[in-house]
Amino acid sequence: LIRPYAGVMMRFGKRSSWGAFANVLMDYSTLRAPDYDYKGFSS
């Protein structure tokens, strides 16, 4: 598996330990399943 990604985190307050995050990810796996015509799996 290889997964490049990018996103952002934001604290709920100036001294808060809690926050929210959002990101976009691209997954690519080298799996092979010829019976189902998979020559890799990506999402």
PDB file of all heavy atoms in Angstrom:
ATOM      1  N   LEU A   1       0.826  -1.206   0.000  1.00  0.00           N
ATOM      2  CA  LEU A   1       0.000   0.000   0.000  1.00  0.00           C
ATOM      3  C   LEU A   1       0.859   1.255   0.000  1.00  0.00           C
ATOM      4  O   LEU A   1       1.852   1.341   0.732  1.00  0.00           O
ATOM      5  CB  LEU A   1      -0.898   0.013   1.240  1.00  0.00           C
ATOM      6  CG  LEU A   1      -1.746   1.264   1.467  1.00  0.00           C
ATOM      7  CD1 LEU A   1      -2.931   1.288   0.503  1.00  0.00           C
ATOM      8  CD2 LEU A   1      -2.245   1.327   2.911  1.00  0.00           C
ATOM      9  N   ILE A   2       0.466   2.236  -0.804  1.00  0.00           N
ATOM     10  CA  ILE A   2       1.035   3.584  -0.725  1.00  0.00           C
ATOM     11  C   ILE A   2      -0.112   4.573  -0.629  1.00  0.00           C
ATOM     12  O   ILE A   2      -1.139   4.407  -1.309  1.00  0.00           O
ATOM     13  CB  ILE A   2       1.953   3.900  -1.920  1.00  0.00           C
ATOM     14  CG1 ILE A   2       2.572   5.301  -1.751  1.00  0.00           C
ATOM     15  CG2 ILE A   2       1.216   3.777  -3.246  1.00  0.00           C
ATOM     16  CD1 ILE A   2       3.688   5.602  -2.728  1.00  0.00           C
ATOM     17  N   ARG A   3       0.030   5.576   0.247  1.00  0.00           N
ATOM     18  CA  ARG A   3      -1.067   6.522   0.492  1.00  0.00           C
ATOM     19  C   ARG A   3      -0.538   7.949   0.663  1.00  0.00           C
ATOM     20  O   ARG A   3      -0.117   8.350   1.746  1.00  0.00           O
ATOM     21  CB  ARG A   3      -1.843   6.126   1.745  1.00  0.00           C
ATOM     22  CG  ARG A   3      -2.891   7.163   2.177  1.00  0.00           C
ATOM     23  CD  ARG A   3      -3.499   6.822   3.512  1.00  0.00           C
ATOM     24  NE  ARG A   3      -4.325   5.649   3.416  1.00  0.00           N
ATOM     25  CZ  ARG A   3      -4.435   4.738   4.386  1.00  0.00           C
ATOM     26  NH1 ARG A   3      -3.727   4.861   5.494  1.00  0.00           N
ATOM     27  NH2 ARG A   3      -5.238   3.694   4.238  1.00  0.00           N
ATOM     28  N   PRO A   4      -0.505   8.754  -0.379  1.00  0.00           N
ATOM     29  CA  PRO A   4      -0.237  10.194  -0.203  1.00  0.00           C
ATOM     30  C   PRO A   4      -1.502  10.890   0.296  1.00  0.00           C
ATOM     31  O   PRO A   4      -2.623  10.485  -0.045  1.00  0.00           O
ATOM     32  CB  PRO A   4       0.135  10.651  -1.613  1.00  0.00           C
ATOM     33  CG  PRO A   4      -0.537   9.676  -2.516  1.00  0.00           C
ATOM     34  CD  PRO A   4      -0.626   8.370  -1.793  1.00  0.00           C
ATOM     35  N   TYR A   5      -1.317  11.935   1.087  1.00  0.00           N
ATOM     36  CA  TYR A   5      -2.483  12.638   1.631  1.00  0.00           C
ATOM     37  C   TYR A   5      -2.102  14.058   2.038  1.00  0.00           C
ATOM     38  O   TYR A   5      -0.928  14.399   2.199  1.00  0.00           O
ATOM     39  CB  TYR A   5      -3.064  11.889   2.837  1.00  0.00           C
ATOM     40  CG  TYR A   5      -2.116  11.741   4.005  1.00  0.00           C
ATOM     41  CD1 TYR A   5      -2.088  12.667   5.046  1.00  0.00           C
ATOM     42  CD2 TYR A   5      -1.229  10.662   4.073  1.00  0.00           C
ATOM     43  CE1 TYR A   5      -1.224  12.520   6.119  1.00  0.00           C
ATOM     44  CE2 TYR A   5      -0.358  10.514   5.131  1.00  0.00           C
ATOM     45  CZ  TYR A   5      -0.363  11.442   6.156  1.00  0.00           C
ATOM     46  OH  TYR A   5       0.513  11.301   7.216  1.00  0.00           O
ATOM     47  N   ALA A   6      -3.124  14.882   2.210  1.00  0.00           N
ATOM     48  CA  ALA A   6      -2.934  16.263   2.673  1.00  0.00           C
ATOM     49  C   ALA A   6      -4.200  16.684   3.404  1.00  0.00           C
ATOM     50  O   ALA A   6      -5.301  16.212   3.102  1.00  0.00           O
ATOM     51  CB  ALA A   6      -2.656  17.204   1.508  1.00  0.00           C
ATOM     52  N   GLY A   7      -4.032  17.583   4.372  1.00  0.00           N
ATOM     53  CA  GLY A   7      -5.198  18.011   5.135  1.00  0.00           C
ATOM     54  C   GLY A   7      -4.888  19.174   6.046  1.00  0.00           C
ATOM     55  O   GLY A   7      -3.872  19.857   5.895  1.00  0.00           O
ATOM     56  N   VAL A   8      -5.766  19.364   7.010  1.00  0.00           N
ATOM     57  CA  VAL A   8      -5.624  20.468   7.952  1.00  0.00           C
ATOM     58  C   VAL A   8      -6.193  20.053   9.305  1.00  0.00           C
ATOM     59  O   VAL A   8      -7.195  19.323   9.370  1.00  0.00           O
ATOM     60  CB  VAL A   8      -6.331  21.734   7.425  1.00  0.00           C
ATOM     61  CG1 VAL A   8      -7.832  21.507   7.278  1.00  0.00           C
ATOM     62  CG2 VAL A   8      -6.046  22.939   8.317  1.00  0.00           C
ATOM     63  N   MET A   9      -5.528  20.473  10.375  1.00  0.00           N
ATOM     64  CA  MET A   9      -6.038  20.314  11.737  1.00  0.00           C
ATOM     65  C   MET A   9      -6.357  21.686  12.302  1.00  0.00           C
ATOM     66  O   MET A   9      -5.675  22.667  11.977  1.00  0.00           O
ATOM     67  CB  MET A   9      -5.006  19.624  12.636  1.00  0.00           C
ATOM     68  CG  MET A   9      -4.716  18.192  12.274  1.00  0.00           C
ATOM     69  SD  MET A   9      -3.632  17.359  13.479  1.00  0.00           S
ATOM     70  CE  MET A   9      -2.052  18.177  13.145  1.00  0.00           C
ATOM     71  N   MET A  10      -7.376  21.763  13.162  1.00  0.00           N
ATOM     72  CA  MET A  10      -7.724  23.030  13.797  1.00  0.00           C
ATOM     73  C   MET A  10      -8.090  22.784  15.255  1.00  0.00           C
ATOM     74  O   MET A  10      -8.937  21.945  15.562  1.00  0.00           O
ATOM     75  CB  MET A  10      -8.901  23.701  13.084  1.00  0.00           C
ATOM     76  CG  MET A  10      -9.217  25.084  13.653  1.00  0.00           C
ATOM     77  SD  MET A  10     -10.623  25.891  12.836  1.00  0.00           S
ATOM     78  CE  MET A  10     -11.968  24.909  13.499  1.00  0.00           C
ATOM     79  N   ARG A  11      -7.429  23.508  16.163  1.00  0.00           N
ATOM     80  CA  ARG A  11      -7.740  23.396  17.583  1.00  0.00           C
ATOM     81  C   ARG A  11      -9.087  24.058  17.868  1.00  0.00           C
ATOM     82  O   ARG A  11      -9.442  25.067  17.263  1.00  0.00           O
ATOM     83  CB  ARG A  11      -6.661  24.082  18.419  1.00  0.00           C
ATOM     84  CG  ARG A  11      -5.240  23.614  18.139  1.00  0.00           C
ATOM     85  CD  ARG A  11      -4.271  24.503  18.903  1.00  0.00           C
ATOM     86  NE  ARG A  11      -2.913  24.389  18.417  1.00  0.00           N
ATOM     87  CZ  ARG A  11      -1.902  23.852  19.115  1.00  0.00           C
ATOM     88  NH1 ARG A  11      -2.125  23.362  20.306  1.00  0.00           N
ATOM     89  NH2 ARG A  11      -0.690  23.806  18.606  1.00  0.00           N
ATOM     90  N   PHE A  12      -9.820  23.508  18.843  1.00  0.00           N
ATOM     91  CA  PHE A  12     -11.092  24.104  19.228  1.00  0.00           C
ATOM     92  C   PHE A  12     -10.899  25.404  20.008  1.00  0.00           C
ATOM     93  O   PHE A  12     -11.756  26.276  19.989  1.00  0.00           O
ATOM     94  CB  PHE A  12     -11.913  23.120  20.061  1.00  0.00           C
ATOM     95  CG  PHE A  12     -12.458  21.967  19.261  1.00  0.00           C
ATOM     96  CD1 PHE A  12     -12.576  20.720  19.836  1.00  0.00           C
ATOM     97  CD2 PHE A  12     -12.841  22.137  17.944  1.00  0.00           C
ATOM     98  CE1 PHE A  12     -13.086  19.656  19.111  1.00  0.00           C
ATOM     99  CE2 PHE A  12     -13.352  21.077  17.199  1.00  0.00           C
ATOM    100  CZ  PHE A  12     -13.475  19.834  17.790  1.00  0.00           C
ATOM    101  N   GLY A  13      -9.782  25.520  20.699  1.00  0.00           N
ATOM    102  CA  GLY A  13      -9.478  26.728  21.465  1.00  0.00           C
ATOM    103  C   GLY A  13      -7.985  26.941  21.525  1.00  0.00           C
ATOM    104  O   GLY A  13      -7.194  26.063  21.147  1.00  0.00           O
ATOM    105  N   LYS A  14      -7.550  28.112  22.019  1.00  0.00           N
ATOM    106  CA  LYS A  14      -6.130  28.441  22.027  1.00  0.00           C
ATOM    107  C   LYS A  14      -5.305  27.446  22.819  1.00  0.00           C
ATOM    108  O   LYS A  14      -4.184  27.118  22.451  1.00  0.00           O
ATOM    109  CB  LYS A  14      -5.920  29.850  22.575  1.00  0.00           C
ATOM    110  CG  LYS A  14      -6.403  30.950  21.634  1.00  0.00           C
ATOM    111  CD  LYS A  14      -6.102  32.319  22.218  1.00  0.00           C
ATOM    112  CE  LYS A  14      -6.531  33.425  21.255  1.00  0.00           C
ATOM    113  NZ  LYS A  14      -6.247  34.766  21.804  1.00  0.00           N
ATOM    114  N   ARG A  15      -5.849  26.964  23.935  1.00  0.00           N
ATOM    115  CA  ARG A  15      -5.106  26.024  24.767  1.00  0.00           C
ATOM    116  C   ARG A  15      -5.805  24.670  24.861  1.00  0.00           C
ATOM    117  O   ARG A  15      -5.538  23.883  25.765  1.00  0.00           O
ATOM    118  CB  ARG A  15      -4.897  26.621  26.164  1.00  0.00           C
ATOM    119  CG  ARG A  15      -4.155  27.958  26.160  1.00  0.00           C
ATOM    120  CD  ARG A  15      -3.648  28.308  27.539  1.00  0.00           C
ATOM    121  NE  ARG A  15      -2.651  27.371  28.021  1.00  0.00           N
ATOM    122  CZ  ARG A  15      -1.361  27.390  27.694  1.00  0.00           C
ATOM    123  NH1 ARG A  15      -0.899  28.321  26.871  1.00  0.00           N
ATOM    124  NH2 ARG A  15      -0.537  26.489  28.182  1.00  0.00           N
ATOM    125  N   SER A  16      -6.680  24.396  23.920  1.00  0.00           N
ATOM    126  CA  SER A  16      -7.418  23.138  23.935  1.00  0.00           C
ATOM    127  C   SER A  16      -6.582  21.998  23.366  1.00  0.00           C
ATOM    128  O   SER A  16      -5.862  22.165  22.375  1.00  0.00           O
ATOM    129  CB  SER A  16      -8.709  23.275  23.128  1.00  0.00           C
ATOM    130  OG  SER A  16      -9.378  22.035  23.044  1.00  0.00           O
ATOM    131  N   SER A  17      -6.680  20.828  23.997  1.00  0.00           N
ATOM    132  CA  SER A  17      -6.035  19.637  23.462  1.00  0.00           C
ATOM    133  C   SER A  17      -6.864  18.995  22.359  1.00  0.00           C
ATOM    134  O   SER A  17      -6.355  18.163  21.609  1.00  0.00           O
ATOM    135  CB  SER A  17      -5.817  18.606  24.582  1.00  0.00           C
ATOM    136  OG  SER A  17      -4.906  19.086  25.535  1.00  0.00           O
ATOM    137  N   TRP A  18      -8.125  19.380  22.268  1.00  0.00           N
ATOM    138  CA  TRP A  18      -9.021  18.777  21.283  1.00  0.00           C
ATOM    139  C   TRP A  18      -9.163  19.670  20.054  1.00  0.00           C
ATOM    140  O   TRP A  18      -9.067  20.889  20.140  1.00  0.00           O
ATOM    141  CB  TRP A  18     -10.395  18.537  21.905  1.00  0.00           C
ATOM    142  CG  TRP A  18     -10.394  17.473  22.948  1.00  0.00           C
ATOM    143  CD1 TRP A  18     -10.282  17.656  24.301  1.00  0.00           C
ATOM    144  CD2 TRP A  18     -10.478  16.067  22.739  1.00  0.00           C
ATOM    145  NE1 TRP A  18     -10.292  16.453  24.947  1.00  0.00           N
ATOM    146  CE2 TRP A  18     -10.416  15.452  24.016  1.00  0.00           C
ATOM    147  CE3 TRP A  18     -10.598  15.263  21.601  1.00  0.00           C
ATOM    148  CZ2 TRP A  18     -10.477  14.074  24.180  1.00  0.00           C
ATOM    149  CZ3 TRP A  18     -10.657  13.888  21.762  1.00  0.00           C
ATOM    150  CH2 TRP A  18     -10.607  13.304  23.042  1.00  0.00           C
ATOM    151  N   GLY A  19      -9.376  19.006  18.929  1.00  0.00           N
ATOM    152  CA  GLY A  19      -9.556  19.747  17.693  1.00  0.00           C
ATOM    153  C   GLY A  19     -10.243  18.887  16.651  1.00  0.00           C
ATOM    154  O   GLY A  19     -10.676  17.761  16.923  1.00  0.00           O
ATOM    155  N   ALA A  20     -10.333  19.417  15.452  1.00  0.00           N
ATOM    156  CA  ALA A  20     -10.924  18.701  14.321  1.00  0.00           C
ATOM    157  C   ALA A  20      -9.900  18.625  13.199  1.00  0.00           C
ATOM    158  O   ALA A  20      -8.963  19.424  13.138  1.00  0.00           O
ATOM    159  CB  ALA A  20     -12.189  19.402  13.855  1.00  0.00           C
ATOM    160  N   PHE A  21     -10.083  17.662  12.327  1.00  0.00           N
ATOM    161  CA  PHE A  21      -9.212  17.554  11.163  1.00  0.00           C
ATOM    162  C   PHE A  21     -10.043  17.146   9.951  1.00  0.00           C
ATOM    163  O   PHE A  21     -11.131  16.584  10.061  1.00  0.00           O
ATOM    164  CB  PHE A  21      -8.094  16.534  11.399  1.00  0.00           C
ATOM    165  CG  PHE A  21      -8.538  15.101  11.343  1.00  0.00           C
ATOM    166  CD1 PHE A  21      -8.496  14.382  10.157  1.00  0.00           C
ATOM    167  CD2 PHE A  21      -9.036  14.470  12.481  1.00  0.00           C
ATOM    168  CE1 PHE A  21      -8.919  13.068  10.094  1.00  0.00           C
ATOM    169  CE2 PHE A  21      -9.468  13.151  12.427  1.00  0.00           C
ATOM    170  CZ  PHE A  21      -9.410  12.452  11.235  1.00  0.00           C
ATOM    171  N   ALA A  22      -9.499  17.441   8.784  1.00  0.00           N
ATOM    172  CA  ALA A  22     -10.079  16.994   7.512  1.00  0.00           C
ATOM    173  C   ALA A  22      -8.932  16.763   6.550  1.00  0.00           C
ATOM    174  O   ALA A  22      -7.947  17.508   6.555  1.00  0.00           O
ATOM    175  CB  ALA A  22     -11.054  18.023   6.958  1.00  0.00           C
ATOM    176  N   ASN A  23      -9.041  15.718   5.731  1.00  0.00           N
ATOM    177  CA  ASN A  23      -7.980  15.464   4.767  1.00  0.00           C
ATOM    178  C   ASN A  23      -8.527  14.730   3.543  1.00  0.00           C
ATOM    179  O   ASN A  23      -9.657  14.245   3.536  1.00  0.00           O
ATOM    180  CB  ASN A  23      -6.822  14.684   5.403  1.00  0.00           C
ATOM    181  CG  ASN A  23      -7.265  13.394   6.058  1.00  0.00           C
ATOM    182  OD1 ASN A  23      -8.158  12.708   5.555  1.00  0.00           O
ATOM    183  ND2 ASN A  23      -6.648  13.055   7.176  1.00  0.00           N
ATOM    184  N   VAL A  24      -7.710  14.694   2.525  1.00  0.00           N
ATOM    185  CA  VAL A  24      -7.992  13.928   1.313  1.00  0.00           C
ATOM    186  C   VAL A  24      -6.856  12.924   1.137  1.00  0.00           C
ATOM    187  O   VAL A  24      -5.684  13.263   1.333  1.00  0.00           O
ATOM    188  CB  VAL A  24      -8.138  14.848   0.077  1.00  0.00           C
ATOM    189  CG1 VAL A  24      -6.884  15.679  -0.140  1.00  0.00           C
ATOM    190  CG2 VAL A  24      -8.463  14.042  -1.168  1.00  0.00           C
ATOM    191  N   LEU A  25      -7.224  11.665   0.822  1.00  0.00           N
ATOM    192  CA  LEU A  25      -6.247  10.587   0.727  1.00  0.00           C
ATOM    193  C   LEU A  25      -6.406   9.852  -0.599  1.00  0.00           C
ATOM    194  O   LEU A  25      -7.517   9.716  -1.109  1.00  0.00           O
ATOM    195  CB  LEU A  25      -6.438   9.569   1.868  1.00  0.00           C
ATOM    196  CG  LEU A  25      -6.583  10.076   3.299  1.00  0.00           C
ATOM    197  CD1 LEU A  25      -8.054  10.191   3.658  1.00  0.00           C
ATOM    198  CD2 LEU A  25      -5.896   9.154   4.282  1.00  0.00           C
ATOM    199  N   MET A  26      -5.291   9.365  -1.099  1.00  0.00           N
ATOM    200  CA  MET A  26      -5.293   8.551  -2.313  1.00  0.00           C
ATOM    201  C   MET A  26      -4.631   7.220  -1.979  1.00  0.00           C
ATOM    202  O   MET A  26      -3.438   7.175  -1.672  1.00  0.00           O
ATOM    203  CB  MET A  26      -4.528   9.263  -3.429  1.00  0.00           C
ATOM    204  CG  MET A  26      -4.354   8.440  -4.692  1.00  0.00           C
ATOM    205  SD  MET A  26      -5.871   8.285  -5.615  1.00  0.00           S
ATOM    206  CE  MET A  26      -5.314   7.299  -7.020  1.00  0.00           C
ATOM    207  N   ASP A  27      -5.412   6.132  -1.984  1.00  0.00           N
ATOM    208  CA  ASP A  27      -4.879   4.804  -1.686  1.00  0.00           C
ATOM    209  C   ASP A  27      -4.587   4.040  -2.973  1.00  0.00           C
ATOM    210  O   ASP A  27      -5.404   4.048  -3.906  1.00  0.00           O
ATOM    211  CB  ASP A  27      -5.890   3.992  -0.876  1.00  0.00           C
ATOM    212  CG  ASP A  27      -5.776   4.252   0.615  1.00  0.00           C
ATOM    213  OD1 ASP A  27      -5.150   5.259   0.987  1.00  0.00           O
ATOM    214  OD2 ASP A  27      -6.315   3.444   1.392  1.00  0.00           O
ATOM    215  N   TYR A  28      -3.437   3.372  -3.002  1.00  0.00           N
ATOM    216  CA  TYR A  28      -3.154   2.450  -4.096  1.00  0.00           C
ATOM    217  C   TYR A  28      -2.552   1.180  -3.515  1.00  0.00           C
ATOM    218  O   TYR A  28      -1.551   1.230  -2.785  1.00  0.00           O
ATOM    219  CB  TYR A  28      -2.198   3.036  -5.129  1.00  0.00           C
ATOM    220  CG  TYR A  28      -1.851   2.012  -6.191  1.00  0.00           C
ATOM    221  CD1 TYR A  28      -2.784   1.673  -7.172  1.00  0.00           C
ATOM    222  CD2 TYR A  28      -0.632   1.334  -6.165  1.00  0.00           C
ATOM    223  CE1 TYR A  28      -2.501   0.702  -8.121  1.00  0.00           C
ATOM    224  CE2 TYR A  28      -0.337   0.359  -7.110  1.00  0.00           C
ATOM    225  CZ  TYR A  28      -1.281   0.051  -8.085  1.00  0.00           C
ATOM    226  OH  TYR A  28      -1.007  -0.920  -9.008  1.00  0.00           O
ATOM    227  N   SER A  29      -3.185   0.038  -3.815  1.00  0.00           N
ATOM    228  CA  SER A  29      -2.698  -1.268  -3.378  1.00  0.00           C
ATOM    229  C   SER A  29      -2.300  -2.092  -4.600  1.00  0.00           C
ATOM    230  O   SER A  29      -2.959  -2.036  -5.644  1.00  0.00           O
ATOM    231  CB  SER A  29      -3.777  -2.004  -2.589  1.00  0.00           C
ATOM    232  OG  SER A  29      -3.401  -3.351  -2.361  1.00  0.00           O
ATOM    233  N   THR A  30      -1.256  -2.897  -4.438  1.00  0.00           N
ATOM    234  CA  THR A  30      -0.757  -3.710  -5.551  1.00  0.00           C
ATOM    235  C   THR A  30      -1.468  -5.057  -5.663  1.00  0.00           C
ATOM    236  O   THR A  30      -1.031  -5.926  -6.419  1.00  0.00           O
ATOM    237  CB  THR A  30       0.750  -3.967  -5.380  1.00  0.00           C
ATOM    238  OG1 THR A  30       0.967  -4.691  -4.158  1.00  0.00           O
ATOM    239  CG2 THR A  30       1.533  -2.665  -5.374  1.00  0.00           C
ATOM    240  N   LEU A  31      -2.554  -5.260  -4.936  1.00  0.00           N
ATOM    241  CA  LEU A  31      -3.246  -6.558  -4.985  1.00  0.00           C
ATOM    242  C   LEU A  31      -3.626  -6.930  -6.422  1.00  0.00           C
ATOM    243  O   LEU A  31      -3.891  -6.060  -7.255  1.00  0.00           O
ATOM    244  CB  LEU A  31      -4.486  -6.548  -4.094  1.00  0.00           C
ATOM    245  CG  LEU A  31      -5.721  -5.749  -4.544  1.00  0.00           C
ATOM    246  CD1 LEU A  31      -6.657  -6.571  -5.421  1.00  0.00           C
ATOM    247  CD2 LEU A  31      -6.474  -5.230  -3.343  1.00  0.00           C
ATOM    248  N   ARG A  32      -3.660  -8.230  -6.694  1.00  0.00           N
ATOM    249  CA  ARG A  32      -4.066  -8.741  -8.001  1.00  0.00           C
ATOM    250  C   ARG A  32      -5.178  -9.768  -7.808  1.00  0.00           C
ATOM    251  O   ARG A  32      -5.029 -10.705  -7.018  1.00  0.00           O
ATOM    252  CB  ARG A  32      -2.885  -9.392  -8.722  1.00  0.00           C
ATOM    253  CG  ARG A  32      -1.758  -8.437  -9.084  1.00  0.00           C
ATOM    254  CD  ARG A  32      -2.167  -7.503 -10.223  1.00  0.00           C
ATOM    255  NE  ARG A  32      -1.070  -6.682 -10.699  1.00  0.00           N
ATOM    256  CZ  ARG A  32      -0.755  -5.496 -10.207  1.00  0.00           C
ATOM    257  NH1 ARG A  32      -1.461  -4.995  -9.202  1.00  0.00           N
ATOM    258  NH2 ARG A  32       0.255  -4.801 -10.691  1.00  0.00           N
ATOM    259  N   ALA A  33      -6.287  -9.572  -8.537  1.00  0.00           N
ATOM    260  CA  ALA A  33      -7.395 -10.524  -8.522  1.00  0.00           C
ATOM    261  C   ALA A  33      -7.920 -10.658  -9.946  1.00  0.00           C
ATOM    262  O   ALA A  33      -8.934 -10.050 -10.314  1.00  0.00           O
ATOM    263  CB  ALA A  33      -8.493 -10.062  -7.574  1.00  0.00           C
ATOM    264  N   PRO A  34      -7.257 -11.459 -10.796  1.00  0.00           N
ATOM    265  CA  PRO A  34      -7.624 -11.546 -12.217  1.00  0.00           C
ATOM    266  C   PRO A  34      -9.060 -11.997 -12.455  1.00  0.00           C
ATOM    267  O   PRO A  34      -9.687 -11.568 -13.426  1.00  0.00           O
ATOM    268  CB  PRO A  34      -6.620 -12.578 -12.757  1.00  0.00           C
ATOM    269  CG  PRO A  34      -5.478 -12.548 -11.807  1.00  0.00           C
ATOM    270  CD  PRO A  34      -6.067 -12.262 -10.467  1.00  0.00           C
ATOM    271  N   ASP A  35      -9.608 -12.841 -11.572  1.00  0.00           N
ATOM    272  CA  ASP A  35     -10.978 -13.320 -11.761  1.00  0.00           C
ATOM    273  C   ASP A  35     -11.997 -12.181 -11.691  1.00  0.00           C
ATOM    274  O   ASP A  35     -13.100 -12.310 -12.235  1.00  0.00           O
ATOM    275  CB  ASP A  35     -11.322 -14.371 -10.704  1.00  0.00           C
ATOM    276  CG  ASP A  35     -10.533 -15.666 -10.894  1.00  0.00           C
ATOM    277  OD1 ASP A  35      -9.929 -15.824 -11.977  1.00  0.00           O
ATOM    278  OD2 ASP A  35     -10.524 -16.498  -9.967  1.00  0.00           O
ATOM    279  N   TYR A  36     -11.617 -11.098 -11.013  1.00  0.00           N
ATOM    280  CA  TYR A  36     -12.512  -9.940 -10.897  1.00  0.00           C
ATOM    281  C   TYR A  36     -11.960  -8.733 -11.653  1.00  0.00           C
ATOM    282  O   TYR A  36     -12.425  -7.612 -11.459  1.00  0.00           O
ATOM    283  CB  TYR A  36     -12.715  -9.585  -9.419  1.00  0.00           C
ATOM    284  CG  TYR A  36     -13.363 -10.698  -8.629  1.00  0.00           C
ATOM    285  CD1 TYR A  36     -12.579 -11.585  -7.894  1.00  0.00           C
ATOM    286  CD2 TYR A  36     -14.738 -10.873  -8.628  1.00  0.00           C
ATOM    287  CE1 TYR A  36     -13.160 -12.613  -7.170  1.00  0.00           C
ATOM    288  CE2 TYR A  36     -15.331 -11.905  -7.897  1.00  0.00           C
ATOM    289  CZ  TYR A  36     -14.533 -12.765  -7.182  1.00  0.00           C
ATOM    290  OH  TYR A  36     -15.118 -13.794  -6.458  1.00  0.00           O
ATOM    291  N   ASP A  37     -10.944  -8.989 -12.459  1.00  0.00           N
ATOM    292  CA  ASP A  37     -10.331  -7.956 -13.291  1.00  0.00           C
ATOM    293  C   ASP A  37      -9.706  -6.836 -12.467  1.00  0.00           C
ATOM    294  O   ASP A  37      -9.721  -5.668 -12.873  1.00  0.00           O
ATOM    295  CB  ASP A  37     -11.363  -7.384 -14.281  1.00  0.00           C
ATOM    296  CG  ASP A  37     -10.687  -6.679 -15.459  1.00  0.00           C
ATOM    297  OD1 ASP A  37      -9.536  -7.043 -15.778  1.00  0.00           O
ATOM    298  OD2 ASP A  37     -11.297  -5.757 -16.034  1.00  0.00           O
ATOM    299  N   TYR A  38      -9.159  -7.180 -11.304  1.00  0.00           N
ATOM    300  CA  TYR A  38      -8.424  -6.205 -10.499  1.00  0.00           C
ATOM    301  C   TYR A  38      -6.929  -6.382 -10.730  1.00  0.00           C
ATOM    302  O   TYR A  38      -6.364  -7.427 -10.396  1.00  0.00           O
ATOM    303  CB  TYR A  38      -8.744  -6.362  -9.013  1.00  0.00           C
ATOM    304  CG  TYR A  38     -10.011  -5.662  -8.588  1.00  0.00           C
ATOM    305  CD1 TYR A  38     -11.134  -6.388  -8.233  1.00  0.00           C
ATOM    306  CD2 TYR A  38     -10.066  -4.275  -8.562  1.00  0.00           C
ATOM    307  CE1 TYR A  38     -12.304  -5.753  -7.848  1.00  0.00           C
ATOM    308  CE2 TYR A  38     -11.225  -3.619  -8.178  1.00  0.00           C
ATOM    309  CZ  TYR A  38     -12.340  -4.362  -7.828  1.00  0.00           C
ATOM    310  OH  TYR A  38     -13.504  -3.721  -7.452  1.00  0.00           O
ATOM    311  N   LYS A  39      -6.305  -5.349 -11.278  1.00  0.00           N
ATOM    312  CA  LYS A  39      -4.855  -5.317 -11.454  1.00  0.00           C
ATOM    313  C   LYS A  39      -4.266  -4.251 -10.539  1.00  0.00           C
ATOM    314  O   LYS A  39      -3.472  -3.416 -10.932  1.00  0.00           O
ATOM    315  CB  LYS A  39      -4.520  -5.017 -12.915  1.00  0.00           C
ATOM    316  CG  LYS A  39      -5.103  -6.032 -13.886  1.00  0.00           C
ATOM    317  CD  LYS A  39      -4.875  -5.620 -15.326  1.00  0.00           C
ATOM    318  CE  LYS A  39      -5.522  -6.605 -16.282  1.00  0.00           C
ATOM    319  NZ  LYS A  39      -5.353  -6.185 -17.695  1.00  0.00           N
ATOM    320  N   GLY A  40      -4.700  -4.277  -9.298  1.00  0.00           N
ATOM    321  CA  GLY A  40      -4.429  -3.230  -8.327  1.00  0.00           C
ATOM    322  C   GLY A  40      -5.751  -2.675  -7.847  1.00  0.00           C
ATOM    323  O   GLY A  40      -6.792  -2.841  -8.505  1.00  0.00           O
ATOM    324  N   PHE A  41      -5.706  -2.028  -6.702  1.00  0.00           N
ATOM    325  CA  PHE A  41      -6.928  -1.430  -6.165  1.00  0.00           C
ATOM    326  C   PHE A  41      -6.609  -0.022  -5.681  1.00  0.00           C
ATOM    327  O   PHE A  41      -5.708   0.176  -4.865  1.00  0.00           O
ATOM    328  CB  PHE A  41      -7.478  -2.259  -5.005  1.00  0.00           C
ATOM    329  CG  PHE A  41      -8.791  -1.748  -4.482  1.00  0.00           C
ATOM    330  CD1 PHE A  41      -9.977  -2.125  -5.085  1.00  0.00           C
ATOM    331  CD2 PHE A  41      -8.833  -0.863  -3.406  1.00  0.00           C
ATOM    332  CE1 PHE A  41     -11.198  -1.652  -4.622  1.00  0.00           C
ATOM    333  CE2 PHE A  41     -10.033  -0.388  -2.934  1.00  0.00           C
ATOM    334  CZ  PHE A  41     -11.222  -0.779  -3.543  1.00  0.00           C
ATOM    335  N   SER A  42      -7.339   0.962  -6.181  1.00  0.00           N
ATOM    336  CA  SER A  42      -7.106   2.344  -5.772  1.00  0.00           C
ATOM    337  C   SER A  42      -8.425   3.026  -5.453  1.00  0.00           C
ATOM    338  O   SER A  42      -9.483   2.652  -5.982  1.00  0.00           O
ATOM    339  CB  SER A  42      -6.359   3.124  -6.865  1.00  0.00           C
ATOM    340  OG  SER A  42      -7.096   3.133  -8.062  1.00  0.00           O
ATOM    341  N   SER A  43      -8.350   4.014  -4.578  1.00  0.00           N
ATOM    342  CA  SER A  43      -9.535   4.776  -4.198  1.00  0.00           C
ATOM    343  C   SER A  43      -9.122   6.176  -3.761  1.00  0.00           C
ATOM    344  O   SER A  43      -7.996   6.400  -3.301  1.00  0.00           O
ATOM    345  CB  SER A  43     -10.300   4.079  -3.065  1.00  0.00           C
ATOM    346  OG  SER A  43      -9.508   4.000  -1.893  1.00  0.00           O
TER     347      SER A  43
END
